[in-house]
Amino acid sequence: MLVWCGVLFFLGIAAFTDSLFTFGEIFRRVNSVLFMLVSLGLLIRVSTKKRMRVIEGYVERIAVLEKRLEELTRKERKAEVPH
């Protein structure tokens, strides 16, 4: 994420210097396309990370429920054993 943000910052600086010194029409097109691609990459990365966090939450919840189920089955087995 830090690399993506660094690239966006660099593109922002390039766009600012372009507006000051007017490098040309080709640079503006390339810069706008790069902004769009990097933003798309960030959007995909953030949505993937968010989805993975949801999946990790489900995995943690399943582990907790499995542990509770195991504890309950142990208690039932102890209760069934005649003394």
Protein backbone atom coordinates (compact mmCIF):
# COMPACT_ATOMS: atom_id res chain seq x y z
CA MET A 1 0.00 0.00 0.00
CA LEU A 2 2.85 2.34 0.80
CA VAL A 3 4.30 1.84 -2.69
CA TRP A 4 0.92 2.61 -4.30
CA CYS A 5 0.58 5.77 -2.22
CA GLY A 6 4.14 6.78 -3.13
CA VAL A 7 3.37 6.35 -6.82
CA LEU A 8 0.22 8.46 -6.47
CA PHE A 9 2.20 11.14 -4.62
CA PHE A 10 4.82 11.17 -7.37
CA LEU A 11 2.12 11.45 -10.02
CA GLY A 12 0.59 14.34 -8.09
CA ILE A 13 3.93 16.13 -8.05
CA ALA A 14 4.32 15.46 -11.77
CA ALA A 15 0.84 16.84 -12.46
CA PHE A 16 1.60 19.93 -10.37
CA THR A 17 4.85 20.62 -12.20
CA ASP A 18 3.04 20.03 -15.49
CA SER A 19 0.49 22.68 -14.61
CA LEU A 20 3.31 25.08 -13.72
CA PHE A 21 5.62 24.47 -16.67
CA THR A 22 3.19 23.02 -19.28
CA PHE A 23 5.28 20.10 -20.52
CA GLY A 24 2.84 19.16 -23.24
CA GLU A 25 -0.27 17.31 -24.23
CA ILE A 26 1.30 13.82 -24.27
CA PHE A 27 2.45 14.10 -20.64
CA ARG A 28 -1.05 15.07 -19.51
CA ARG A 29 -2.61 12.05 -21.18
CA VAL A 30 0.01 9.65 -19.83
CA ASN A 31 -0.24 11.14 -16.35
CA SER A 32 -4.03 10.89 -16.30
CA VAL A 33 -3.91 7.27 -17.48
CA LEU A 34 -1.33 6.43 -14.80
CA PHE A 35 -3.50 8.09 -12.15
CA MET A 36 -6.45 6.01 -13.32
CA LEU A 37 -4.50 2.73 -13.33
CA VAL A 38 -2.92 3.29 -9.93
CA SER A 39 -6.28 4.26 -8.47
CA LEU A 40 -7.81 1.11 -9.94
CA GLY A 41 -4.97 -0.93 -8.43
CA LEU A 42 -5.57 0.65 -5.03
CA LEU A 43 -9.29 -0.02 -5.27
CA ILE A 44 -8.70 -3.68 -6.10
CA ARG A 45 -6.12 -4.04 -3.32
CA VAL A 46 -8.36 -2.47 -0.68
CA SER A 47 -11.39 -4.54 -1.70
CA THR A 48 -9.28 -7.72 -1.68
CA LYS A 49 -7.90 -6.91 1.77
CA LYS A 50 -11.39 -6.17 3.06
CA ARG A 51 -12.70 -9.46 1.68
CA MET A 52 -9.77 -11.37 3.19
CA ARG A 53 -10.42 -9.75 6.58
CA VAL A 54 -14.04 -10.94 6.44
CA ILE A 55 -12.84 -14.45 5.62
CA GLU A 56 -10.30 -14.30 8.47
CA GLY A 57 -13.13 -13.27 10.80
CA TYR A 58 -15.13 -16.30 9.70
CA VAL A 59 -12.15 -18.59 10.25
CA GLU A 60 -11.62 -17.18 13.75
CA ARG A 61 -15.32 -17.55 14.56
CA ILE A 62 -15.35 -21.15 13.32
CA ALA A 63 -12.30 -21.95 15.47
CA VAL A 64 -14.02 -20.51 18.55
CA LEU A 65 -17.21 -22.45 17.84
CA GLU A 66 -15.27 -25.69 17.27
CA LYS A 67 -13.50 -25.21 20.60
CA ARG A 68 -16.81 -24.62 22.39
CA LEU A 69 -18.33 -27.68 20.70
CA GLU A 70 -15.36 -29.80 21.77
CA GLU A 71 -15.72 -28.60 25.37
CA LEU A 72 -19.44 -29.41 25.37
CA THR A 73 -18.88 -32.90 23.95
CA ARG A 74 -16.23 -33.55 26.63
CA LYS A 75 -18.68 -32.49 29.33
CA GLU A 76 -21.36 -34.76 27.89
CA ARG A 77 -18.96 -37.73 27.74
CA LYS A 78 -17.97 -37.16 31.39
CA ALA A 79 -21.63 -36.99 32.38
CA GLU A 80 -22.40 -40.26 30.52
CA VAL A 81 -19.60 -42.26 32.15
CA PRO A 82 -21.02 -44.20 35.15
CA HIS A 83 -19.01 -44.07 38.33
